Amino acid sequence: MSANLFDMAYEMERGLRQSKEYTELRKLYDQVNADPSARAMFENFRQIQMNLQQKQMMGQDIKPDEVQQAQKAVALVQQHPLISRLMEAEQRMSMVIAELNKIIMKPLEELYGAPGQ
């Protein structure tokens, strides 16, 4: 792979770190971590989320009580104003990364064409 592509990737990383989406996400993340109750609530939510994702990736069944626990955790964090804002900022950052991925993948899409062409 061309070193030039790696240079561009690192430049993109620096750009992401300087973007308003990332700086807002970082600010909110730091605020959540500075608040012990918010941090504990958020860490619990993330742990539940990771456990369910791991089970899905391993093809394990997710029990109804686990789904219910996850739904309760989501409802709880969404009611916390700071965590809710953090989750919105995470969503915006994810959208930026998805758009960048579309741009990066465009040459391959053009090469192979859309399905059914």
N, C-alpha and C. Protein backbone atom coordinates (compact mmCIF):
# COMPACT_ATOMS: atom_id res chain seq x y z
N MET A 1 0.84 -1.18 0.00
CA MET A 1 0.00 0.00 0.00
C MET A 1 0.88 1.23 0.00
N SER A 2 0.46 2.20 -0.71
CA SER A 2 1.20 3.44 -0.83
C SER A 2 1.25 4.19 0.50
N ALA A 3 2.44 4.64 0.86
CA ALA A 3 2.60 5.43 2.09
C ALA A 3 1.75 6.68 2.02
N ASN A 4 1.53 7.19 0.81
CA ASN A 4 0.71 8.37 0.61
C ASN A 4 -0.72 8.15 1.14
N LEU A 5 -1.28 6.96 0.94
CA LEU A 5 -2.61 6.67 1.46
C LEU A 5 -2.62 6.70 2.97
N PHE A 6 -1.57 6.17 3.60
CA PHE A 6 -1.47 6.22 5.05
C PHE A 6 -1.35 7.66 5.53
N ASP A 7 -0.57 8.45 4.82
CA ASP A 7 -0.44 9.87 5.18
C ASP A 7 -1.81 10.55 5.14
N MET A 8 -2.59 10.25 4.11
CA MET A 8 -3.93 10.84 3.98
C MET A 8 -4.84 10.36 5.11
N ALA A 9 -4.71 9.09 5.47
CA ALA A 9 -5.53 8.55 6.55
C ALA A 9 -5.20 9.25 7.87
N TYR A 10 -3.92 9.45 8.14
CA TYR A 10 -3.53 10.14 9.36
C TYR A 10 -3.98 11.60 9.34
N GLU A 11 -3.97 12.20 8.18
CA GLU A 11 -4.46 13.57 8.03
C GLU A 11 -5.96 13.61 8.33
N MET A 12 -6.68 12.60 7.87
CA MET A 12 -8.11 12.52 8.15
C MET A 12 -8.34 12.34 9.65
N GLU A 13 -7.51 11.53 10.28
CA GLU A 13 -7.63 11.36 11.74
C GLU A 13 -7.47 12.70 12.44
N ARG A 14 -6.45 13.47 12.04
CA ARG A 14 -6.24 14.78 12.65
C ARG A 14 -7.44 15.68 12.39
N GLY A 15 -7.99 15.62 11.20
CA GLY A 15 -9.17 16.42 10.87
C GLY A 15 -10.37 16.03 11.72
N LEU A 16 -10.56 14.74 11.93
CA LEU A 16 -11.66 14.28 12.78
C LEU A 16 -11.50 14.81 14.19
N ARG A 17 -10.29 14.75 14.72
CA ARG A 17 -10.03 15.22 16.08
C ARG A 17 -10.30 16.72 16.23
N GLN A 18 -10.17 17.46 15.13
CA GLN A 18 -10.38 18.91 15.17
C GLN A 18 -11.80 19.31 14.78
N SER A 19 -12.59 18.35 14.34
CA SER A 19 -13.96 18.65 13.88
C SER A 19 -14.85 19.07 15.04
N LYS A 20 -15.87 19.85 14.74
CA LYS A 20 -16.80 20.28 15.79
C LYS A 20 -17.55 19.09 16.36
N GLU A 21 -17.82 18.08 15.53
CA GLU A 21 -18.51 16.88 16.02
C GLU A 21 -17.68 16.16 17.09
N TYR A 22 -16.39 16.01 16.81
CA TYR A 22 -15.53 15.31 17.77
C TYR A 22 -15.30 16.15 19.02
N THR A 23 -15.04 17.45 18.85
CA THR A 23 -14.77 18.28 20.03
C THR A 23 -15.99 18.34 20.94
N GLU A 24 -17.19 18.38 20.37
CA GLU A 24 -18.41 18.35 21.17
C GLU A 24 -18.55 17.00 21.88
N LEU A 25 -18.30 15.91 21.15
CA LEU A 25 -18.36 14.57 21.74
C LEU A 25 -17.36 14.46 22.90
N ARG A 26 -16.16 14.92 22.70
CA ARG A 26 -15.12 14.84 23.73
C ARG A 26 -15.52 15.64 24.97
N LYS A 27 -16.06 16.85 24.74
CA LYS A 27 -16.48 17.71 25.85
C LYS A 27 -17.57 17.02 26.67
N LEU A 28 -18.56 16.45 26.01
CA LEU A 28 -19.65 15.78 26.70
C LEU A 28 -19.17 14.51 27.41
N TYR A 29 -18.29 13.77 26.76
CA TYR A 29 -17.73 12.57 27.37
C TYR A 29 -16.98 12.92 28.66
N ASP A 30 -16.20 13.99 28.61
CA ASP A 30 -15.47 14.43 29.80
C ASP A 30 -16.43 14.87 30.90
N GLN A 31 -17.52 15.53 30.53
CA GLN A 31 -18.50 15.96 31.52
C GLN A 31 -19.19 14.76 32.18
N VAL A 32 -19.54 13.77 31.38
CA VAL A 32 -20.16 12.56 31.94
C VAL A 32 -19.18 11.88 32.90
N ASN A 33 -17.92 11.77 32.51
CA ASN A 33 -16.93 11.12 33.36
C ASN A 33 -16.61 11.91 34.62
N ALA A 34 -16.85 13.22 34.60
CA ALA A 34 -16.60 14.05 35.78
C ALA A 34 -17.73 13.93 36.80
N ASP A 35 -18.86 13.40 36.40
CA ASP A 35 -20.03 13.25 37.28
C ASP A 35 -20.13 11.77 37.68
N PRO A 36 -19.81 11.43 38.94
CA PRO A 36 -19.77 10.02 39.34
C PRO A 36 -21.06 9.24 39.06
N SER A 37 -22.22 9.84 39.30
CA SER A 37 -23.47 9.10 39.08
C SER A 37 -23.72 8.92 37.58
N ALA A 38 -23.44 9.95 36.80
CA ALA A 38 -23.62 9.84 35.34
C ALA A 38 -22.65 8.82 34.78
N ARG A 39 -21.41 8.85 35.25
CA ARG A 39 -20.40 7.90 34.77
C ARG A 39 -20.82 6.47 35.07
N ALA A 40 -21.28 6.21 36.30
CA ALA A 40 -21.69 4.85 36.67
C ALA A 40 -22.88 4.39 35.82
N MET A 41 -23.84 5.28 35.61
CA MET A 41 -25.01 4.94 34.81
C MET A 41 -24.60 4.64 33.36
N PHE A 42 -23.71 5.47 32.82
CA PHE A 42 -23.27 5.31 31.43
C PHE A 42 -22.44 4.03 31.28
N GLU A 43 -21.54 3.76 32.24
CA GLU A 43 -20.73 2.54 32.18
C GLU A 43 -21.61 1.30 32.26
N ASN A 44 -22.62 1.32 33.10
CA ASN A 44 -23.56 0.20 33.19
C ASN A 44 -24.27 -0.02 31.86
N PHE A 45 -24.74 1.06 31.27
CA PHE A 45 -25.41 1.00 29.97
C PHE A 45 -24.48 0.41 28.91
N ARG A 46 -23.25 0.89 28.85
CA ARG A 46 -22.29 0.41 27.85
C ARG A 46 -21.98 -1.08 28.07
N GLN A 47 -21.87 -1.49 29.32
CA GLN A 47 -21.59 -2.90 29.62
C GLN A 47 -22.72 -3.80 29.15
N ILE A 48 -23.94 -3.39 29.42
CA ILE A 48 -25.11 -4.16 28.95
C ILE A 48 -25.09 -4.24 27.43
N GLN A 49 -24.83 -3.12 26.78
CA GLN A 49 -24.78 -3.04 25.32
C GLN A 49 -23.70 -3.98 24.77
N MET A 50 -22.50 -3.94 25.36
CA MET A 50 -21.40 -4.79 24.87
C MET A 50 -21.70 -6.26 25.08
N ASN A 51 -22.30 -6.61 26.21
CA ASN A 51 -22.65 -8.01 26.47
C ASN A 51 -23.63 -8.54 25.43
N LEU A 52 -24.63 -7.74 25.09
CA LEU A 52 -25.60 -8.17 24.09
C LEU A 52 -24.97 -8.29 22.70
N GLN A 53 -24.11 -7.34 22.36
CA GLN A 53 -23.43 -7.41 21.06
C GLN A 53 -22.53 -8.64 20.97
N GLN A 54 -21.85 -8.94 22.06
CA GLN A 54 -20.98 -10.11 22.08
C GLN A 54 -21.80 -11.39 21.90
N LYS A 55 -22.93 -11.47 22.58
CA LYS A 55 -23.79 -12.65 22.42
C LYS A 55 -24.27 -12.78 20.98
N GLN A 56 -24.66 -11.66 20.38
CA GLN A 56 -25.11 -11.68 18.98
C GLN A 56 -24.02 -12.17 18.06
N MET A 57 -22.80 -11.66 18.24
CA MET A 57 -21.69 -12.05 17.38
C MET A 57 -21.35 -13.52 17.53
N MET A 58 -21.58 -14.06 18.72
CA MET A 58 -21.29 -15.47 18.96
C MET A 58 -22.47 -16.37 18.61
N GLY A 59 -23.56 -15.76 18.13
CA GLY A 59 -24.73 -16.54 17.74
C GLY A 59 -25.52 -17.07 18.91
N GLN A 60 -25.34 -16.50 20.09
CA GLN A 60 -26.07 -16.95 21.26
C GLN A 60 -27.43 -16.27 21.32
N ASP A 61 -28.40 -16.96 21.90
CA ASP A 61 -29.72 -16.39 22.08
C ASP A 61 -29.69 -15.32 23.17
N ILE A 62 -30.43 -14.26 22.92
CA ILE A 62 -30.58 -13.21 23.92
C ILE A 62 -31.93 -13.44 24.59
N LYS A 63 -31.89 -13.59 25.90
CA LYS A 63 -33.09 -13.92 26.66
C LYS A 63 -33.99 -12.69 26.80
N PRO A 64 -35.30 -12.92 26.92
CA PRO A 64 -36.23 -11.79 27.08
C PRO A 64 -35.89 -10.88 28.26
N ASP A 65 -35.41 -11.45 29.36
CA ASP A 65 -35.08 -10.60 30.52
C ASP A 65 -33.85 -9.73 30.21
N GLU A 66 -32.95 -10.20 29.35
CA GLU A 66 -31.80 -9.39 28.94
C GLU A 66 -32.24 -8.24 28.06
N VAL A 67 -33.20 -8.51 27.18
CA VAL A 67 -33.75 -7.45 26.32
C VAL A 67 -34.44 -6.41 27.19
N GLN A 68 -35.21 -6.87 28.16
CA GLN A 68 -35.92 -5.96 29.06
C GLN A 68 -34.93 -5.12 29.87
N GLN A 69 -33.87 -5.74 30.34
CA GLN A 69 -32.84 -5.02 31.10
C GLN A 69 -32.20 -3.94 30.21
N ALA A 70 -31.92 -4.29 28.97
CA ALA A 70 -31.32 -3.33 28.04
C ALA A 70 -32.27 -2.18 27.76
N GLN A 71 -33.55 -2.47 27.58
CA GLN A 71 -34.53 -1.42 27.32
C GLN A 71 -34.64 -0.47 28.52
N LYS A 72 -34.59 -1.02 29.72
CA LYS A 72 -34.63 -0.18 30.93
C LYS A 72 -33.39 0.70 31.01
N ALA A 73 -32.25 0.14 30.68
CA ALA A 73 -31.00 0.91 30.72
C ALA A 73 -31.04 2.05 29.70
N VAL A 74 -31.56 1.78 28.50
CA VAL A 74 -31.68 2.82 27.47
C VAL A 74 -32.60 3.92 27.97
N ALA A 75 -33.75 3.54 28.51
CA ALA A 75 -34.71 4.53 29.00
C ALA A 75 -34.07 5.39 30.10
N LEU A 76 -33.31 4.76 30.96
CA LEU A 76 -32.68 5.47 32.08
C LEU A 76 -31.65 6.48 31.58
N VAL A 77 -30.77 6.06 30.68
CA VAL A 77 -29.73 6.99 30.20
C VAL A 77 -30.33 8.09 29.34
N GLN A 78 -31.42 7.79 28.63
CA GLN A 78 -32.05 8.82 27.81
C GLN A 78 -32.71 9.91 28.67
N GLN A 79 -33.06 9.56 29.90
CA GLN A 79 -33.66 10.55 30.80
C GLN A 79 -32.61 11.44 31.46
N HIS A 80 -31.36 11.01 31.45
CA HIS A 80 -30.28 11.82 32.03
C HIS A 80 -29.85 12.83 30.98
N PRO A 81 -30.03 14.14 31.24
CA PRO A 81 -29.76 15.14 30.20
C PRO A 81 -28.34 15.09 29.63
N LEU A 82 -27.36 14.92 30.48
CA LEU A 82 -25.97 14.92 30.03
C LEU A 82 -25.66 13.68 29.18
N ILE A 83 -26.11 12.52 29.64
CA ILE A 83 -25.86 11.29 28.89
C ILE A 83 -26.64 11.31 27.58
N SER A 84 -27.84 11.83 27.62
CA SER A 84 -28.65 11.94 26.39
C SER A 84 -27.93 12.80 25.36
N ARG A 85 -27.36 13.91 25.80
CA ARG A 85 -26.61 14.78 24.87
C ARG A 85 -25.37 14.07 24.35
N LEU A 86 -24.71 13.29 25.22
CA LEU A 86 -23.54 12.52 24.78
C LEU A 86 -23.93 11.51 23.71
N MET A 87 -25.04 10.82 23.92
CA MET A 87 -25.48 9.83 22.94
C MET A 87 -25.86 10.48 21.61
N GLU A 88 -26.45 11.67 21.66
CA GLU A 88 -26.75 12.40 20.43
C GLU A 88 -25.46 12.79 19.70
N ALA A 89 -24.46 13.22 20.46
CA ALA A 89 -23.16 13.57 19.87
C ALA A 89 -22.49 12.34 19.26
N GLU A 90 -22.62 11.18 19.94
CA GLU A 90 -22.08 9.93 19.39
C GLU A 90 -22.75 9.61 18.05
N GLN A 91 -24.05 9.82 17.99
CA GLN A 91 -24.80 9.55 16.75
C GLN A 91 -24.32 10.46 15.62
N ARG A 92 -24.12 11.74 15.94
CA ARG A 92 -23.63 12.67 14.90
C ARG A 92 -22.25 12.25 14.42
N MET A 93 -21.37 11.84 15.35
CA MET A 93 -20.02 11.41 14.97
C MET A 93 -20.10 10.15 14.11
N SER A 94 -20.98 9.24 14.45
CA SER A 94 -21.17 8.02 13.65
C SER A 94 -21.63 8.35 12.24
N MET A 95 -22.50 9.34 12.12
CA MET A 95 -22.98 9.74 10.80
C MET A 95 -21.85 10.33 9.96
N VAL A 96 -20.99 11.12 10.58
CA VAL A 96 -19.84 11.69 9.87
C VAL A 96 -18.95 10.56 9.37
N ILE A 97 -18.66 9.61 10.24
CA ILE A 97 -17.78 8.49 9.87
C ILE A 97 -18.42 7.65 8.76
N ALA A 98 -19.74 7.45 8.83
CA ALA A 98 -20.43 6.70 7.77
C ALA A 98 -20.33 7.43 6.43
N GLU A 99 -20.47 8.75 6.45
CA GLU A 99 -20.34 9.52 5.21
C GLU A 99 -18.92 9.45 4.66
N LEU A 100 -17.93 9.53 5.55
CA LEU A 100 -16.54 9.40 5.11
C LEU A 100 -16.29 8.02 4.51
N ASN A 101 -16.86 7.01 5.12
CA ASN A 101 -16.71 5.65 4.61
C ASN A 101 -17.30 5.53 3.20
N LYS A 102 -18.45 6.16 2.97
CA LYS A 102 -19.05 6.14 1.63
C LYS A 102 -18.09 6.75 0.61
N ILE A 103 -17.47 7.86 0.98
CA ILE A 103 -16.53 8.53 0.07
C ILE A 103 -15.33 7.62 -0.20
N ILE A 104 -14.79 7.01 0.85
CA ILE A 104 -13.62 6.15 0.70
C ILE A 104 -13.94 4.92 -0.16
N MET A 105 -15.14 4.38 -0.01
CA MET A 105 -15.52 3.16 -0.72
C MET A 105 -16.00 3.41 -2.15
N LYS A 106 -16.16 4.67 -2.53
CA LYS A 106 -16.68 5.01 -3.86
C LYS A 106 -15.90 4.37 -5.01
N PRO A 107 -14.57 4.37 -5.00
CA PRO A 107 -13.85 3.73 -6.12
C PRO A 107 -14.22 2.25 -6.28
N LEU A 108 -14.37 1.53 -5.17
CA LEU A 108 -14.73 0.11 -5.27
C LEU A 108 -16.16 -0.06 -5.77
N GLU A 109 -17.06 0.81 -5.30
CA GLU A 109 -18.44 0.75 -5.79
C GLU A 109 -18.49 1.01 -7.29
N GLU A 110 -17.71 1.99 -7.75
CA GLU A 110 -17.67 2.28 -9.18
C GLU A 110 -17.07 1.12 -9.96
N LEU A 111 -16.03 0.50 -9.40
CA LEU A 111 -15.37 -0.61 -10.06
C LEU A 111 -16.31 -1.80 -10.23
N TYR A 112 -16.97 -2.17 -9.15
CA TYR A 112 -17.82 -3.36 -9.18
C TYR A 112 -19.25 -3.06 -9.58
N GLY A 113 -19.63 -1.79 -9.54
CA GLY A 113 -20.98 -1.41 -9.92
C GLY A 113 -22.00 -1.77 -8.86
N ALA A 114 -23.16 -1.18 -9.03
CA ALA A 114 -24.26 -1.47 -8.10
C ALA A 114 -24.78 -2.87 -8.39
N PRO A 115 -25.34 -3.54 -7.37
CA PRO A 115 -25.90 -4.88 -7.58
C PRO A 115 -26.95 -4.85 -8.70
N GLY A 116 -26.90 -5.84 -9.54
CA GLY A 116 -27.87 -5.96 -10.62
C GLY A 116 -27.51 -5.22 -11.88
N GLN A 117 -26.32 -4.59 -11.94
CA GLN A 117 -25.94 -3.88 -13.15
C GLN A 117 -25.25 -4.79 -14.13
